[in-house]
Every structure is written in C-alpha cells, then in structure tokens.
C-alpha cells in the first residue's frame, strides 16, 4: 500500500494505491493519520481509491477509523474513484451512508 497526499485549496487529497488488507492497513493507517495531523486546517479530506487493487473488511475498518479521526478535527471525509469491486464492497457495507462518494 502506498499513501500520498496533496492539497487542493481547502481540501486534503489522500491517494491510496495497492492492496488495502490486514497486512497493509497498519502502515496505511499510520501514514494517513500523520498526513491528517499535519493538515488539520483543511475543511475536508478526499480519499482517492483509484489505485486500490483489492480491499477487504480491514479496508472498510481503515476508512471508518479515518472518518472518526477526521470528525474529531471537524473535517468532512469523502471517497472518490473506487474501482468496481471496491465500489461494490463499499455500497454493500453501507460505508457511503457515512462517507459519501464524490
């Protein structure tokens, strides 16, 4: 799992690529949390999932955990560009009711 970030105006954009599973989630969590902590002045965070090739329930837990962290900072969270398989998992799990897809 590779984690990169950039800012677009008032938005923090976090790009994930690779597999988001039990083996990669701890590293991705630490990297994403550090990025969030360094950018608390943003109003929202957008997680771009275009590069995520595989995601299981650990990936859903990762996203919900980042959602809770961002809520503490008063930042909104959004998801963009999930592949077809990830989109199906996120839809079926109900994640989009918490974290909208844009």
PDB file of N, CA and C in Angstrom:
ATOM      1  N   UNK A   1       0.845  -1.173   0.000  1.00  0.00           N
ATOM      2  CA  UNK A   1       0.000   0.000   0.000  1.00  0.00           C
ATOM      3  C   UNK A   1       0.888   1.233   0.000  1.00  0.00           C
ATOM      4  N   UNK A   2       0.567   2.133  -0.896  1.00  0.00           N
ATOM      5  CA  UNK A   2       1.282   3.395  -0.996  1.00  0.00           C
ATOM      6  C   UNK A   2       0.303   4.520  -0.680  1.00  0.00           C
ATOM      7  N   UNK A   3       0.746   5.473   0.118  1.00  0.00           N
ATOM      8  CA  UNK A   3      -0.094   6.595   0.527  1.00  0.00           C
ATOM      9  C   UNK A   3       0.605   7.901   0.138  1.00  0.00           C
ATOM     10  N   UNK A   4      -0.100   8.740  -0.608  1.00  0.00           N
ATOM     11  CA  UNK A   4       0.422  10.051  -0.976  1.00  0.00           C
ATOM     12  C   UNK A   4      -0.658  11.089  -0.708  1.00  0.00           C
ATOM     13  N   UNK A   5      -0.244  12.342  -0.599  1.00  0.00           N
ATOM     14  CA  UNK A   5      -1.223  13.388  -0.322  1.00  0.00           C
ATOM     15  C   UNK A   5      -0.864  14.679  -1.034  1.00  0.00           C
ATOM     16  N   UNK A   6      -1.880  15.486  -1.252  1.00  0.00           N
ATOM     17  CA  UNK A   6      -1.709  16.836  -1.781  1.00  0.00           C
ATOM     18  C   UNK A   6      -2.872  17.675  -1.264  1.00  0.00           C
ATOM     19  N   UNK A   7      -2.717  18.966  -1.399  1.00  0.00           N
ATOM     20  CA  UNK A   7      -3.812  19.861  -1.018  1.00  0.00           C
ATOM     21  C   UNK A   7      -4.349  20.539  -2.263  1.00  0.00           C
ATOM     22  N   UNK A   8      -5.675  20.608  -2.336  1.00  0.00           N
ATOM     23  CA  UNK A   8      -6.358  21.358  -3.392  1.00  0.00           C
ATOM     24  C   UNK A   8      -7.205  22.396  -2.680  1.00  0.00           C
ATOM     25  N   UNK A   9      -6.664  23.585  -2.566  1.00  0.00           N
ATOM     26  CA  UNK A   9      -7.385  24.631  -1.842  1.00  0.00           C
ATOM     27  C   UNK A   9      -7.589  24.227  -0.397  1.00  0.00           C
ATOM     28  N   UNK A  10      -8.842  24.081  -0.024  1.00  0.00           N
ATOM     29  CA  UNK A  10      -9.236  23.763   1.345  1.00  0.00           C
ATOM     30  C   UNK A  10      -9.393  22.254   1.560  1.00  0.00           C
ATOM     31  N   UNK A  11      -9.080  21.462   0.544  1.00  0.00           N
ATOM     32  CA  UNK A  11      -9.271  20.018   0.616  1.00  0.00           C
ATOM     33  C   UNK A  11      -7.928  19.287   0.710  1.00  0.00           C
ATOM     34  N   UNK A  12      -7.891  18.310   1.562  1.00  0.00           N
ATOM     35  CA  UNK A  12      -6.757  17.404   1.666  1.00  0.00           C
ATOM     36  C   UNK A  12      -7.087  16.188   0.820  1.00  0.00           C
ATOM     37  N   UNK A  13      -6.227  15.868  -0.132  1.00  0.00           N
ATOM     38  CA  UNK A  13      -6.453  14.720  -1.010  1.00  0.00           C
ATOM     39  C   UNK A  13      -5.444  13.634  -0.652  1.00  0.00           C
ATOM     40  N   UNK A  14      -5.952  12.468  -0.297  1.00  0.00           N
ATOM     41  CA  UNK A  14      -5.106  11.336   0.069  1.00  0.00           C
ATOM     42  C   UNK A  14      -5.306  10.248  -0.976  1.00  0.00           C
ATOM     43  N   UNK A  15      -4.218   9.866  -1.619  1.00  0.00           N
ATOM     44  CA  UNK A  15      -4.248   8.881  -2.694  1.00  0.00           C
ATOM     45  C   UNK A  15      -3.716   7.552  -2.167  1.00  0.00           C
ATOM     46  N   UNK A  16      -4.532   6.520  -2.293  1.00  0.00           N
ATOM     47  CA  UNK A  16      -4.134   5.186  -1.862  1.00  0.00           C
ATOM     48  C   UNK A  16      -3.939   4.309  -3.090  1.00  0.00           C
ATOM     49  N   UNK A  17      -2.897   3.488  -3.066  1.00  0.00           N
ATOM     50  CA  UNK A  17      -2.697   2.549  -4.167  1.00  0.00           C
ATOM     51  C   UNK A  17      -2.119   1.249  -3.628  1.00  0.00           C
ATOM     52  N   UNK A  18      -2.528   0.159  -4.233  1.00  0.00           N
ATOM     53  CA  UNK A  18      -2.088  -1.162  -3.809  1.00  0.00           C
ATOM     54  C   UNK A  18      -3.243  -1.927  -3.202  1.00  0.00           C
ATOM     55  N   UNK A  19      -2.928  -2.815  -2.277  1.00  0.00           N
ATOM     56  CA  UNK A  19      -3.935  -3.627  -1.605  1.00  0.00           C
ATOM     57  C   UNK A  19      -4.172  -3.095  -0.199  1.00  0.00           C
ATOM     58  N   UNK A  20      -5.444  -2.924   0.154  1.00  0.00           N
ATOM     59  CA  UNK A  20      -5.812  -2.442   1.482  1.00  0.00           C
ATOM     60  C   UNK A  20      -6.407  -3.622   2.243  1.00  0.00           C
ATOM     61  N   UNK A  21      -5.539  -4.342   2.934  1.00  0.00           N
ATOM     62  CA  UNK A  21      -5.942  -5.546   3.659  1.00  0.00           C
ATOM     63  C   UNK A  21      -5.246  -5.582   5.017  1.00  0.00           C
ATOM     64  N   UNK A  22      -5.367  -6.695   5.729  1.00  0.00           N
ATOM     65  CA  UNK A  22      -4.831  -6.774   7.086  1.00  0.00           C
ATOM     66  C   UNK A  22      -3.322  -6.594   7.147  1.00  0.00           C
ATOM     67  N   UNK A  23      -2.622  -6.893   6.078  1.00  0.00           N
ATOM     68  CA  UNK A  23      -1.167  -6.758   6.079  1.00  0.00           C
ATOM     69  C   UNK A  23      -0.718  -5.322   5.836  1.00  0.00           C
ATOM     70  N   UNK A  24      -1.439  -4.593   5.014  1.00  0.00           N
ATOM     71  CA  UNK A  24      -1.038  -3.237   4.658  1.00  0.00           C
ATOM     72  C   UNK A  24      -1.726  -2.160   5.490  1.00  0.00           C
ATOM     73  N   UNK A  25      -2.831  -2.492   6.121  1.00  0.00           N
ATOM     74  CA  UNK A  25      -3.625  -1.478   6.833  1.00  0.00           C
ATOM     75  C   UNK A  25      -2.858  -0.773   7.954  1.00  0.00           C
ATOM     76  N   UNK A  26      -2.063  -1.459   8.784  1.00  0.00           N
ATOM     77  CA  UNK A  26      -1.360  -0.731   9.847  1.00  0.00           C
ATOM     78  C   UNK A  26      -0.434   0.372   9.320  1.00  0.00           C
ATOM     79  N   UNK A  27       0.295   0.086   8.257  1.00  0.00           N
ATOM     80  CA  UNK A  27       1.179   1.102   7.677  1.00  0.00           C
ATOM     81  C   UNK A  27       0.359   2.221   7.053  1.00  0.00           C
ATOM     82  N   UNK A  28      -0.674   1.865   6.296  1.00  0.00           N
ATOM     83  CA  UNK A  28      -1.533   2.877   5.676  1.00  0.00           C
ATOM     84  C   UNK A  28      -2.191   3.748   6.738  1.00  0.00           C
ATOM     85  N   UNK A  29      -2.613   3.139   7.839  1.00  0.00           N
ATOM     86  CA  UNK A  29      -3.235   3.878   8.945  1.00  0.00           C
ATOM     87  C   UNK A  29      -2.261   4.902   9.519  1.00  0.00           C
ATOM     88  N   UNK A  30      -1.043   4.473   9.802  1.00  0.00           N
ATOM     89  CA  UNK A  30      -0.042   5.381  10.374  1.00  0.00           C
ATOM     90  C   UNK A  30       0.273   6.527   9.418  1.00  0.00           C
ATOM     91  N   UNK A  31       0.429   6.209   8.141  1.00  0.00           N
ATOM     92  CA  UNK A  31       0.731   7.244   7.149  1.00  0.00           C
ATOM     93  C   UNK A  31      -0.434   8.216   6.983  1.00  0.00           C
ATOM     94  N   UNK A  32      -1.646   7.703   6.869  1.00  0.00           N
ATOM     95  CA  UNK A  32      -2.817   8.570   6.697  1.00  0.00           C
ATOM     96  C   UNK A  32      -3.031   9.442   7.930  1.00  0.00           C
ATOM     97  N   UNK A  33      -2.860   8.859   9.112  1.00  0.00           N
ATOM     98  CA  UNK A  33      -3.033   9.642  10.335  1.00  0.00           C
ATOM     99  C   UNK A  33      -2.012  10.770  10.432  1.00  0.00           C
ATOM    100  N   UNK A  34      -0.764  10.500  10.045  1.00  0.00           N
ATOM    101  CA  UNK A  34       0.264  11.542  10.059  1.00  0.00           C
ATOM    102  C   UNK A  34      -0.090  12.656   9.079  1.00  0.00           C
ATOM    103  N   UNK A  35      -0.573  12.284   7.903  1.00  0.00           N
ATOM    104  CA  UNK A  35      -0.980  13.280   6.905  1.00  0.00           C
ATOM    105  C   UNK A  35      -2.125  14.129   7.449  1.00  0.00           C
ATOM    106  N   UNK A  36      -3.110  13.487   8.051  1.00  0.00           N
ATOM    107  CA  UNK A  36      -4.253  14.218   8.611  1.00  0.00           C
ATOM    108  C   UNK A  36      -3.785  15.168   9.709  1.00  0.00           C
ATOM    109  N   UNK A  37      -2.932  14.677  10.611  1.00  0.00           N
ATOM    110  CA  UNK A  37      -2.439  15.510  11.715  1.00  0.00           C
ATOM    111  C   UNK A  37      -1.668  16.731  11.222  1.00  0.00           C
ATOM    112  N   UNK A  38      -1.012  16.614  10.070  1.00  0.00           N
ATOM    113  CA  UNK A  38      -0.242  17.729   9.505  1.00  0.00           C
ATOM    114  C   UNK A  38      -1.112  18.716   8.734  1.00  0.00           C
ATOM    115  N   UNK A  39      -2.370  18.371   8.483  1.00  0.00           N
ATOM    116  CA  UNK A  39      -3.242  19.209   7.651  1.00  0.00           C
ATOM    117  C   UNK A  39      -4.585  19.486   8.317  1.00  0.00           C
ATOM    118  N   UNK A  40      -4.568  19.783   9.592  1.00  0.00           N
ATOM    119  CA  UNK A  40      -5.818  19.971  10.332  1.00  0.00           C
ATOM    120  C   UNK A  40      -6.580  21.232   9.928  1.00  0.00           C
ATOM    121  N   UNK A  41      -5.956  22.115   9.177  1.00  0.00           N
ATOM    122  CA  UNK A  41      -6.634  23.339   8.742  1.00  0.00           C
ATOM    123  C   UNK A  41      -7.564  23.149   7.558  1.00  0.00           C
ATOM    124  N   UNK A  42      -7.577  21.968   6.972  1.00  0.00           N
ATOM    125  CA  UNK A  42      -8.454  21.699   5.833  1.00  0.00           C
ATOM    126  C   UNK A  42      -9.888  21.477   6.315  1.00  0.00           C
ATOM    127  N   UNK A  43     -10.841  21.722   5.442  1.00  0.00           N
ATOM    128  CA  UNK A  43     -12.239  21.507   5.826  1.00  0.00           C
ATOM    129  C   UNK A  43     -12.708  20.094   5.502  1.00  0.00           C
ATOM    130  N   UNK A  44     -11.993  19.416   4.587  1.00  0.00           N
ATOM    131  CA  UNK A  44     -12.397  18.064   4.226  1.00  0.00           C
ATOM    132  C   UNK A  44     -11.199  17.268   3.728  1.00  0.00           C
ATOM    133  N   UNK A  45     -11.355  15.957   3.774  1.00  0.00           N
ATOM    134  CA  UNK A  45     -10.355  15.041   3.229  1.00  0.00           C
ATOM    135  C   UNK A  45     -11.042  14.165   2.190  1.00  0.00           C
ATOM    136  N   UNK A  46     -10.404  14.041   1.046  1.00  0.00           N
ATOM    137  CA  UNK A  46     -10.915  13.213  -0.035  1.00  0.00           C
ATOM    138  C   UNK A  46      -9.934  12.057  -0.223  1.00  0.00           C
ATOM    139  N   UNK A  47     -10.431  10.848  -0.026  1.00  0.00           N
ATOM    140  CA  UNK A  47      -9.603   9.657  -0.219  1.00  0.00           C
ATOM    141  C   UNK A  47      -9.842   9.145  -1.633  1.00  0.00           C
ATOM    142  N   UNK A  48      -8.796   9.199  -2.453  1.00  0.00           N
ATOM    143  CA  UNK A  48      -8.878   8.721  -3.820  1.00  0.00           C
ATOM    144  C   UNK A  48      -8.479   7.253  -3.835  1.00  0.00           C
ATOM    145  N   UNK A  49      -9.402   6.405  -4.252  1.00  0.00           N
ATOM    146  CA  UNK A  49      -9.198   4.960  -4.224  1.00  0.00           C
ATOM    147  C   UNK A  49      -8.906   4.369  -5.604  1.00  0.00           C
ATOM    148  N   UNK A  50      -8.599   5.201  -6.580  1.00  0.00           N
ATOM    149  CA  UNK A  50      -8.390   4.717  -7.952  1.00  0.00           C
ATOM    150  C   UNK A  50      -7.278   3.675  -8.030  1.00  0.00           C
ATOM    151  N   UNK A  51      -6.274   3.788  -7.188  1.00  0.00           N
ATOM    152  CA  UNK A  51      -5.153   2.859  -7.238  1.00  0.00           C
ATOM    153  C   UNK A  51      -5.300   1.639  -6.354  1.00  0.00           C
ATOM    154  N   UNK A  52      -6.412   1.532  -5.636  1.00  0.00           N
ATOM    155  CA  UNK A  52      -6.613   0.386  -4.741  1.00  0.00           C
ATOM    156  C   UNK A  52      -7.061  -0.804  -5.582  1.00  0.00           C
ATOM    157  N   UNK A  53      -6.223  -1.820  -5.618  1.00  0.00           N
ATOM    158  CA  UNK A  53      -6.499  -3.010  -6.442  1.00  0.00           C
ATOM    159  C   UNK A  53      -7.349  -4.045  -5.710  1.00  0.00           C
ATOM    160  N   UNK A  54      -7.259  -4.054  -4.379  1.00  0.00           N
ATOM    161  CA  UNK A  54      -8.001  -5.022  -3.564  1.00  0.00           C
ATOM    162  C   UNK A  54      -8.296  -4.386  -2.217  1.00  0.00           C
ATOM    163  N   UNK A  55      -9.506  -4.637  -1.717  1.00  0.00           N
ATOM    164  CA  UNK A  55      -9.878  -4.161  -0.395  1.00  0.00           C
ATOM    165  C   UNK A  55     -10.816  -5.180   0.239  1.00  0.00           C
ATOM    166  N   UNK A  56     -10.557  -5.510   1.500  1.00  0.00           N
ATOM    167  CA  UNK A  56     -11.446  -6.418   2.230  1.00  0.00           C
ATOM    168  C   UNK A  56     -12.044  -5.661   3.412  1.00  0.00           C
ATOM    169  N   UNK A  57     -12.590  -6.375   4.368  1.00  0.00           N
ATOM    170  CA  UNK A  57     -13.241  -5.727   5.512  1.00  0.00           C
ATOM    171  C   UNK A  57     -12.259  -4.896   6.333  1.00  0.00           C
ATOM    172  N   UNK A  58     -10.983  -5.247   6.309  1.00  0.00           N
ATOM    173  CA  UNK A  58      -9.983  -4.437   7.002  1.00  0.00           C
ATOM    174  C   UNK A  58      -9.911  -3.049   6.374  1.00  0.00           C
ATOM    175  N   UNK A  59     -10.074  -2.983   5.061  1.00  0.00           N
ATOM    176  CA  UNK A  59     -10.089  -1.697   4.372  1.00  0.00           C
ATOM    177  C   UNK A  59     -11.265  -0.844   4.790  1.00  0.00           C
ATOM    178  N   UNK A  60     -12.403  -1.477   4.992  1.00  0.00           N
ATOM    179  CA  UNK A  60     -13.572  -0.744   5.479  1.00  0.00           C
ATOM    180  C   UNK A  60     -13.292  -0.199   6.877  1.00  0.00           C
ATOM    181  N   UNK A  61     -12.690  -1.024   7.722  1.00  0.00           N
ATOM    182  CA  UNK A  61     -12.313  -0.566   9.065  1.00  0.00           C
ATOM    183  C   UNK A  61     -11.324   0.585   9.016  1.00  0.00           C
ATOM    184  N   UNK A  62     -10.390   0.516   8.094  1.00  0.00           N
ATOM    185  CA  UNK A  62      -9.424   1.601   7.902  1.00  0.00           C
ATOM    186  C   UNK A  62     -10.159   2.897   7.587  1.00  0.00           C
ATOM    187  N   UNK A  63     -11.090   2.852   6.633  1.00  0.00           N
ATOM    188  CA  UNK A  63     -11.816   4.056   6.233  1.00  0.00           C
ATOM    189  C   UNK A  63     -12.672   4.608   7.366  1.00  0.00           C
ATOM    190  N   UNK A  64     -13.355   3.744   8.088  1.00  0.00           N
ATOM    191  CA  UNK A  64     -14.197   4.211   9.201  1.00  0.00           C
ATOM    192  C   UNK A  64     -13.339   4.810  10.309  1.00  0.00           C
ATOM    193  N   UNK A  65     -12.184   4.230  10.548  1.00  0.00           N
ATOM    194  CA  UNK A  65     -11.270   4.792  11.543  1.00  0.00           C
ATOM    195  C   UNK A  65     -10.792   6.177  11.167  1.00  0.00           C
ATOM    196  N   UNK A  66     -10.489   6.392   9.880  1.00  0.00           N
ATOM    197  CA  UNK A  66     -10.055   7.722   9.439  1.00  0.00           C
ATOM    198  C   UNK A  66     -11.232   8.700   9.503  1.00  0.00           C
ATOM    199  N   UNK A  67     -12.436   8.206   9.224  1.00  0.00           N
ATOM    200  CA  UNK A  67     -13.632   9.045   9.335  1.00  0.00           C
ATOM    201  C   UNK A  67     -13.770   9.570  10.769  1.00  0.00           C
ATOM    202  N   UNK A  68     -13.605   8.679  11.739  1.00  0.00           N
ATOM    203  CA  UNK A  68     -13.725   9.081  13.148  1.00  0.00           C
ATOM    204  C   UNK A  68     -12.639  10.081  13.538  1.00  0.00           C
ATOM    205  N   UNK A  69     -11.432   9.865  13.050  1.00  0.00           N
ATOM    206  CA  UNK A  69     -10.334  10.789  13.342  1.00  0.00           C
ATOM    207  C   UNK A  69     -10.628  12.165  12.751  1.00  0.00           C
ATOM    208  N   UNK A  70     -11.088  12.191  11.507  1.00  0.00           N
ATOM    209  CA  UNK A  70     -11.390  13.458  10.851  1.00  0.00           C
ATOM    210  C   UNK A  70     -12.535  14.183  11.547  1.00  0.00           C
ATOM    211  N   UNK A  71     -13.512  13.441  12.052  1.00  0.00           N
ATOM    212  CA  UNK A  71     -14.623  14.052  12.782  1.00  0.00           C
ATOM    213  C   UNK A  71     -14.115  14.817  14.003  1.00  0.00           C
ATOM    214  N   UNK A  72     -13.102  14.286  14.673  1.00  0.00           N
ATOM    215  CA  UNK A  72     -12.525  14.967  15.847  1.00  0.00           C
ATOM    216  C   UNK A  72     -11.931  16.319  15.471  1.00  0.00           C
ATOM    217  N   UNK A  73     -11.442  16.437  14.247  1.00  0.00           N
ATOM    218  CA  UNK A  73     -10.882  17.691  13.757  1.00  0.00           C
ATOM    219  C   UNK A  73     -11.933  18.567  13.078  1.00  0.00           C
ATOM    220  N   UNK A  74     -13.154  18.091  12.993  1.00  0.00           N
ATOM    221  CA  UNK A  74     -14.208  18.846  12.332  1.00  0.00           C
ATOM    222  C   UNK A  74     -14.090  18.845  10.817  1.00  0.00           C
ATOM    223  N   UNK A  75     -13.434  17.832  10.281  1.00  0.00           N
ATOM    224  CA  UNK A  75     -13.240  17.728   8.834  1.00  0.00           C
ATOM    225  C   UNK A  75     -14.184  16.687   8.253  1.00  0.00           C
ATOM    226  N   UNK A  76     -14.739  16.976   7.099  1.00  0.00           N
ATOM    227  CA  UNK A  76     -15.555  16.004   6.393  1.00  0.00           C
ATOM    228  C   UNK A  76     -14.676  15.013   5.646  1.00  0.00           C
ATOM    229  N   UNK A  77     -15.241  13.877   5.294  1.00  0.00           N
ATOM    230  CA  UNK A  77     -14.497  12.861   4.548  1.00  0.00           C
ATOM    231  C   UNK A  77     -15.327  12.393   3.368  1.00  0.00           C
ATOM    232  N   UNK A  78     -14.656  12.223   2.235  1.00  0.00           N
ATOM    233  CA  UNK A  78     -15.298  11.782   1.011  1.00  0.00           C
ATOM    234  C   UNK A  78     -14.419  10.747   0.331  1.00  0.00           C
ATOM    235  N   UNK A  79     -15.041   9.902  -0.483  1.00  0.00           N
ATOM    236  CA  UNK A  79     -14.331   8.896  -1.257  1.00  0.00           C
ATOM    237  C   UNK A  79     -14.517   9.202  -2.732  1.00  0.00           C
ATOM    238  N   UNK A  80     -13.467   8.960  -3.515  1.00  0.00           N
ATOM    239  CA  UNK A  80     -13.591   9.151  -4.953  1.00  0.00           C
ATOM    240  C   UNK A  80     -12.848   8.059  -5.711  1.00  0.00           C
ATOM    241  N   UNK A  81     -13.366   7.770  -6.872  1.00  0.00           N
ATOM    242  CA  UNK A  81     -12.767   6.851  -7.841  1.00  0.00           C
ATOM    243  C   UNK A  81     -12.499   5.423  -7.359  1.00  0.00           C
ATOM    244  N   UNK A  82     -13.397   4.814  -6.600  1.00  0.00           N
ATOM    245  CA  UNK A  82     -13.154   3.401  -6.274  1.00  0.00           C
ATOM    246  C   UNK A  82     -13.342   2.544  -7.516  1.00  0.00           C
ATOM    247  N   UNK A  83     -12.571   1.458  -7.626  1.00  0.00           N
ATOM    248  CA  UNK A  83     -12.787   0.558  -8.762  1.00  0.00           C
ATOM    249  C   UNK A  83     -14.106  -0.189  -8.545  1.00  0.00           C
ATOM    250  N   UNK A  84     -14.526  -0.951  -9.512  1.00  0.00           N
ATOM    251  CA  UNK A  84     -15.834  -1.609  -9.468  1.00  0.00           C
ATOM    252  C   UNK A  84     -15.970  -2.538  -8.266  1.00  0.00           C
ATOM    253  N   UNK A  85     -14.937  -3.330  -7.976  1.00  0.00           N
ATOM    254  CA  UNK A  85     -15.006  -4.264  -6.843  1.00  0.00           C
ATOM    255  C   UNK A  85     -15.078  -3.521  -5.512  1.00  0.00           C
ATOM    256  N   UNK A  86     -14.237  -2.511  -5.342  1.00  0.00           N
ATOM    257  CA  UNK A  86     -14.254  -1.739  -4.096  1.00  0.00           C
ATOM    258  C   UNK A  86     -15.583  -1.006  -3.940  1.00  0.00           C
ATOM    259  N   UNK A  87     -16.095  -0.470  -5.048  1.00  0.00           N
ATOM    260  CA  UNK A  87     -17.370   0.238  -5.005  1.00  0.00           C
ATOM    261  C   UNK A  87     -18.490  -0.689  -4.535  1.00  0.00           C
ATOM    262  N   UNK A  88     -18.479  -1.925  -4.997  1.00  0.00           N
ATOM    263  CA  UNK A  88     -19.495  -2.901  -4.593  1.00  0.00           C
ATOM    264  C   UNK A  88     -19.390  -3.194  -3.091  1.00  0.00           C
ATOM    265  N   UNK A  89     -18.176  -3.401  -2.592  1.00  0.00           N
ATOM    266  CA  UNK A  89     -17.961  -3.668  -1.165  1.00  0.00           C
ATOM    267  C   UNK A  89     -18.416  -2.473  -0.325  1.00  0.00           C
ATOM    268  N   UNK A  90     -18.054  -1.271  -0.763  1.00  0.00           N
ATOM    269  CA  UNK A  90     -18.420  -0.070  -0.014  1.00  0.00           C
ATOM    270  C   UNK A  90     -19.930   0.158  -0.030  1.00  0.00           C
ATOM    271  N   UNK A  91     -20.562  -0.127  -1.144  1.00  0.00           N
ATOM    272  CA  UNK A  91     -22.025   0.015  -1.233  1.00  0.00           C
ATOM    273  C   UNK A  91     -22.733  -0.988  -0.333  1.00  0.00           C
ATOM    274  N   UNK A  92     -22.345  -2.255  -0.450  1.00  0.00           N
ATOM    275  CA  UNK A  92     -22.997  -3.301   0.343  1.00  0.00           C
ATOM    276  C   UNK A  92     -22.792  -3.122   1.842  1.00  0.00           C
ATOM    277  N   UNK A  93     -21.645  -2.587   2.226  1.00  0.00           N
ATOM    278  CA  UNK A  93     -21.349  -2.422   3.656  1.00  0.00           C
ATOM    279  C   UNK A  93     -22.048  -1.207   4.262  1.00  0.00           C
ATOM    280  N   UNK A  94     -22.544  -0.316   3.418  1.00  0.00           N
ATOM    281  CA  UNK A  94     -23.203   0.894   3.921  1.00  0.00           C
ATOM    282  C   UNK A  94     -22.246   2.027   4.226  1.00  0.00           C
ATOM    283  N   UNK A  95     -20.991   1.908   3.836  1.00  0.00           N
ATOM    284  CA  UNK A  95     -19.998   2.955   4.114  1.00  0.00           C
ATOM    285  C   UNK A  95     -20.412   4.279   3.514  1.00  0.00           C
ATOM    286  N   UNK A  96     -21.043   4.261   2.338  1.00  0.00           N
ATOM    287  CA  UNK A  96     -21.424   5.515   1.693  1.00  0.00           C
ATOM    288  C   UNK A  96     -22.462   6.305   2.480  1.00  0.00           C
ATOM    289  N   UNK A  97     -23.144   5.676   3.417  1.00  0.00           N
ATOM    290  CA  UNK A  97     -24.083   6.433   4.256  1.00  0.00           C
ATOM    291  C   UNK A  97     -23.325   7.320   5.255  1.00  0.00           C
ATOM    292  N   UNK A  98     -22.098   6.946   5.576  1.00  0.00           N
ATOM    293  CA  UNK A  98     -21.243   7.758   6.458  1.00  0.00           C
ATOM    294  C   UNK A  98     -20.304   8.642   5.662  1.00  0.00           C
ATOM    295  N   UNK A  99     -19.695   8.039   4.642  1.00  0.00           N
ATOM    296  CA  UNK A  99     -18.639   8.691   3.875  1.00  0.00           C
ATOM    297  C   UNK A  99     -19.104   8.758   2.419  1.00  0.00           C
ATOM    298  N   UNK A 100     -19.601   9.894   1.978  1.00  0.00           N
ATOM    299  CA  UNK A 100     -20.148   9.980   0.619  1.00  0.00           C
ATOM    300  C   UNK A 100     -19.097   9.793  -0.463  1.00  0.00           C
ATOM    301  N   UNK A 101     -19.557   9.242  -1.576  1.00  0.00           N
ATOM    302  CA  UNK A 101     -18.706   9.124  -2.764  1.00  0.00           C
ATOM    303  C   UNK A 101     -18.959  10.350  -3.618  1.00  0.00           C
ATOM    304  N   UNK A 102     -17.865  10.959  -4.076  1.00  0.00           N
ATOM    305  CA  UNK A 102     -17.997  12.140  -4.947  1.00  0.00           C
ATOM    306  C   UNK A 102     -17.418  11.835  -6.313  1.00  0.00           C
TER     307      UNK A 102
END
